[in-house]
Amino acid sequence: MQNKEVKMNHYKAIVFDLGNVLIPFDYFKLLNKLDEIDEGLGKRFAERYKNNYEVHRKFEKSEITEEEFLKTMLQWTEGKLKAEKFKIYYSDLFEENSNVTSLLPVLKGNYKLVLLSNTNAIHKKYGWENYEFLRYFDKMILSNEVGAVKPEEKIYRAVENFTQVNPSEHLYIDDIEEYTNAARKLGWDVITFVSAEQLKEELRKRDVL
């Protein structure tokens, strides 16, 4: 039996963002469901959410509890649905991008794989934690567990604390340029994700695929 090919580049850890890289999401699915409950409720909720986005960020950093977050959400949805129904609607946003997730078993043998995500406990439990592809990751670094969000340095350092390799030996993939720029400043190589084909091409350039 032939030994599995060992890549000859300098990377030891490949770090993936979750949302809009591995699992595209669409908040309009939530807003449409709210409109079905009461016409215009989706738009009113979206305006409140956008104008008070610090609530979202605080929940992602576990600076407020799930109960506190839900109390605000139920106010913003004008008391027209119960907490459990809101959690389901709020998390029914995601679809797997199999063109990207199919890369994980290919990469697994040669690199430490880390998931790095700004997320929250509701989205994890009700939205994405049961995806099969997650088993390929050696570690998940999640904002609500670390107490920091991208682009804050603390969350990238949490990755390094796990991988125990040099910053330059990390390759980070994220669709938000602000987040890849923050990683680049720490010495990581980065790919700002646009599409599966663009990602594959960038990985080939680096002799990762």
Protein backbone atom coordinates (compact mmCIF):
# COMPACT_ATOMS: atom_id res chain seq x y z
CA MET A 1 0.00 0.00 0.00
CA GLN A 2 1.34 3.42 -0.91
CA ASN A 3 1.90 5.95 1.83
CA LYS A 4 -0.40 8.92 1.69
CA GLU A 5 1.26 11.86 -0.03
CA VAL A 6 2.72 14.39 2.38
CA LYS A 7 2.48 17.97 1.20
CA MET A 8 5.76 19.86 1.04
CA ASN A 9 4.52 23.36 1.88
CA HIS A 10 5.10 25.06 5.25
CA TYR A 11 1.53 24.95 6.61
CA LYS A 12 0.65 22.86 9.62
CA ALA A 13 -2.83 24.19 10.45
CA ILE A 14 -5.71 25.17 8.18
CA VAL A 15 -8.37 27.31 9.81
CA PHE A 16 -11.87 27.60 8.34
CA ASP A 17 -14.58 30.12 9.01
CA LEU A 18 -18.03 28.55 9.28
CA GLY A 19 -20.77 30.89 8.05
CA ASN A 20 -20.79 31.64 4.31
CA VAL A 21 -17.76 29.40 3.76
CA LEU A 22 -18.83 25.94 4.93
CA ILE A 23 -22.48 26.79 5.52
CA PRO A 24 -24.01 29.74 3.66
CA PHE A 25 -26.78 31.41 5.62
CA ASP A 26 -29.77 33.53 4.70
CA TYR A 27 -31.49 35.73 7.29
CA PHE A 28 -34.31 36.40 4.85
CA LYS A 29 -35.61 32.92 5.70
CA LEU A 30 -36.24 34.17 9.24
CA LEU A 31 -37.73 37.46 8.09
CA ASN A 32 -40.09 35.71 5.68
CA LYS A 33 -41.35 33.46 8.48
CA LEU A 34 -41.97 36.49 10.66
CA ASP A 35 -43.91 38.12 7.82
CA GLU A 36 -46.09 35.02 7.63
CA ILE A 37 -46.99 35.57 11.28
CA ASP A 38 -47.73 39.27 10.80
CA GLU A 39 -47.18 41.26 7.61
CA GLY A 40 -44.28 43.68 8.10
CA LEU A 41 -42.98 42.00 11.25
CA GLY A 42 -39.88 40.78 9.42
CA LYS A 43 -38.92 44.29 8.34
CA ARG A 44 -39.59 45.73 11.79
CA PHE A 45 -37.50 42.99 13.43
CA ALA A 46 -34.66 43.46 10.93
CA GLU A 47 -34.52 47.20 11.65
CA ARG A 48 -34.39 46.61 15.40
CA TYR A 49 -31.72 43.94 15.01
CA LYS A 50 -29.58 46.12 12.75
CA ASN A 51 -29.95 49.27 14.85
CA ASN A 52 -29.04 47.39 18.02
CA TYR A 53 -26.41 45.03 16.61
CA GLU A 54 -24.41 45.22 19.84
CA VAL A 55 -26.98 42.80 21.31
CA HIS A 56 -26.00 40.22 18.69
CA ARG A 57 -22.29 40.79 19.39
CA LYS A 58 -22.74 40.55 23.15
CA PHE A 59 -24.51 37.22 22.75
CA GLU A 60 -21.75 35.92 20.48
CA LYS A 61 -19.24 36.80 23.22
CA SER A 62 -21.43 35.39 26.03
CA GLU A 63 -21.57 38.83 27.61
CA ILE A 64 -25.31 38.32 27.94
CA THR A 65 -27.11 35.05 28.68
CA GLU A 66 -29.36 33.14 26.33
CA GLU A 67 -32.30 34.12 28.51
CA GLU A 68 -31.42 37.82 28.25
CA PHE A 69 -30.96 37.56 24.50
CA LEU A 70 -34.27 35.76 24.04
CA LYS A 71 -36.12 38.30 26.18
CA THR A 72 -34.97 41.03 23.81
CA MET A 73 -35.73 38.96 20.70
CA LEU A 74 -39.28 38.26 21.86
CA GLN A 75 -39.78 41.97 22.48
CA TRP A 76 -38.51 42.74 18.97
CA THR A 77 -40.92 40.16 17.52
CA GLU A 78 -43.68 41.92 19.46
CA GLY A 79 -44.61 38.90 21.56
CA LYS A 80 -45.99 37.07 18.55
CA LEU A 81 -44.08 33.81 19.02
CA LYS A 82 -42.74 31.75 21.89
CA ALA A 83 -39.07 31.34 22.76
CA GLU A 84 -38.75 27.79 21.41
CA LYS A 85 -40.31 28.72 18.08
CA PHE A 86 -38.07 31.77 17.81
CA LYS A 87 -34.96 29.64 18.38
CA ILE A 88 -36.00 27.30 15.58
CA TYR A 89 -36.79 30.12 13.14
CA TYR A 90 -33.66 32.05 14.15
CA SER A 91 -31.46 29.05 13.37
CA ASP A 92 -33.11 27.68 10.23
CA LEU A 93 -30.74 29.71 8.07
CA PHE A 94 -27.96 27.37 7.00
CA GLU A 95 -27.18 25.09 4.07
CA GLU A 96 -24.04 23.03 3.61
CA ASN A 97 -21.70 24.05 0.80
CA SER A 98 -20.62 20.55 -0.16
CA ASN A 99 -18.17 21.93 -2.74
CA VAL A 100 -16.17 23.26 0.21
CA THR A 101 -16.90 20.68 2.90
CA SER A 102 -15.75 17.92 0.52
CA LEU A 103 -12.24 19.35 0.86
CA LEU A 104 -12.07 18.55 4.57
CA PRO A 105 -11.38 14.80 4.34
CA VAL A 106 -8.77 15.53 1.65
CA LEU A 107 -6.96 17.99 3.93
CA LYS A 108 -7.42 16.06 7.15
CA GLY A 109 -4.46 13.72 6.76
CA ASN A 110 -1.86 16.43 6.29
CA TYR A 111 -2.97 19.33 8.50
CA LYS A 112 -4.55 20.22 11.79
CA LEU A 113 -8.02 21.49 10.94
CA VAL A 114 -9.58 24.20 13.09
CA LEU A 115 -13.01 25.79 12.85
CA LEU A 116 -13.05 29.48 13.84
CA SER A 117 -16.47 31.07 14.13
CA ASN A 118 -18.34 34.03 15.49
CA THR A 119 -21.45 32.21 16.66
CA ASN A 120 -23.84 31.75 19.55
CA ALA A 121 -25.33 28.93 21.56
CA ILE A 122 -28.72 29.02 19.82
CA HIS A 123 -27.28 28.89 16.31
CA LYS A 124 -25.00 26.05 17.33
CA LYS A 125 -27.67 23.90 18.98
CA TYR A 126 -30.53 24.54 16.59
CA GLY A 127 -28.68 25.37 13.39
CA TRP A 128 -25.38 23.64 12.68
CA GLU A 129 -23.95 21.34 15.34
CA ASN A 130 -25.21 18.14 13.68
CA TYR A 131 -23.48 18.58 10.33
CA GLU A 132 -21.40 15.49 9.57
CA PHE A 133 -18.43 17.44 8.22
CA LEU A 134 -17.66 18.81 11.70
CA ARG A 135 -16.05 15.50 12.62
CA TYR A 136 -13.07 16.37 10.45
CA PHE A 137 -12.08 19.28 12.68
CA ASP A 138 -9.53 18.76 15.41
CA LYS A 139 -10.89 21.75 17.31
CA MET A 140 -13.69 24.30 17.18
CA ILE A 141 -12.79 27.77 18.44
CA LEU A 142 -16.13 29.52 18.99
CA SER A 143 -16.62 33.14 19.99
CA ASN A 144 -19.23 32.36 22.64
CA GLU A 145 -16.82 29.95 24.33
CA VAL A 146 -13.71 32.13 24.01
CA GLY A 147 -15.41 35.39 24.98
CA ALA A 148 -14.08 37.24 21.95
CA VAL A 149 -15.13 37.74 18.34
CA LYS A 150 -13.24 38.18 15.11
CA PRO A 151 -11.41 40.49 14.39
CA GLU A 152 -10.31 40.68 18.06
CA GLU A 153 -6.81 39.31 18.58
CA LYS A 154 -7.86 37.10 21.48
CA ILE A 155 -9.83 34.68 19.33
CA TYR A 156 -6.95 34.15 16.88
CA ARG A 157 -4.57 33.59 19.78
CA ALA A 158 -6.96 30.91 21.05
CA VAL A 159 -6.36 29.06 17.78
CA GLU A 160 -2.59 29.36 18.21
CA ASN A 161 -2.85 28.13 21.80
CA PHE A 162 -4.45 24.97 20.44
CA THR A 163 -2.29 24.37 17.38
CA GLN A 164 1.02 25.17 19.08
CA VAL A 165 2.62 26.05 15.74
CA ASN A 166 4.13 29.26 14.42
CA PRO A 167 1.75 31.98 13.16
CA SER A 168 3.17 31.63 9.63
CA GLU A 169 2.22 27.95 9.61
CA HIS A 170 -1.51 28.83 9.74
CA LEU A 171 -3.64 29.20 6.62
CA TYR A 172 -6.95 30.93 7.32
CA ILE A 173 -10.05 30.96 5.09
CA ASP A 174 -12.84 33.48 5.73
CA ASP A 175 -15.28 35.39 3.54
CA ILE A 176 -14.91 38.67 5.48
CA GLU A 177 -11.81 40.63 4.53
CA GLU A 178 -11.71 42.46 7.86
CA TYR A 179 -11.25 39.09 9.57
CA THR A 180 -8.59 37.79 7.19
CA ASN A 181 -6.72 41.09 7.46
CA ALA A 182 -6.64 40.73 11.24
CA ALA A 183 -5.16 37.25 10.91
CA ARG A 184 -2.62 38.45 8.34
CA LYS A 185 -1.38 41.09 10.81
CA LEU A 186 -0.59 38.25 13.23
CA GLY A 187 1.54 36.52 10.60
CA TRP A 188 -0.96 34.02 9.23
CA ASP A 189 -1.41 33.37 5.53
CA VAL A 190 -5.00 34.00 4.50
CA ILE A 191 -7.51 33.42 1.72
CA THR A 192 -10.51 35.72 1.52
CA PHE A 193 -13.19 33.30 0.34
CA VAL A 194 -15.28 34.13 -2.73
CA SER A 195 -16.31 30.74 -4.11
CA ALA A 196 -15.42 27.07 -3.92
CA GLU A 197 -13.57 27.23 -7.24
CA GLN A 198 -11.60 30.31 -6.19
CA LEU A 199 -10.70 28.59 -2.92
CA LYS A 200 -9.51 25.45 -4.69
CA GLU A 201 -7.36 27.53 -7.02
CA GLU A 202 -5.81 29.39 -4.08
CA LEU A 203 -5.10 26.07 -2.32
CA ARG A 204 -3.46 24.67 -5.45
CA LYS A 205 -1.25 27.75 -5.71
CA ARG A 206 -0.02 27.00 -2.21
CA ASP A 207 0.49 23.27 -2.89
CA VAL A 208 -2.21 22.46 -0.35
CA LEU A 209 -4.35 20.52 -2.84
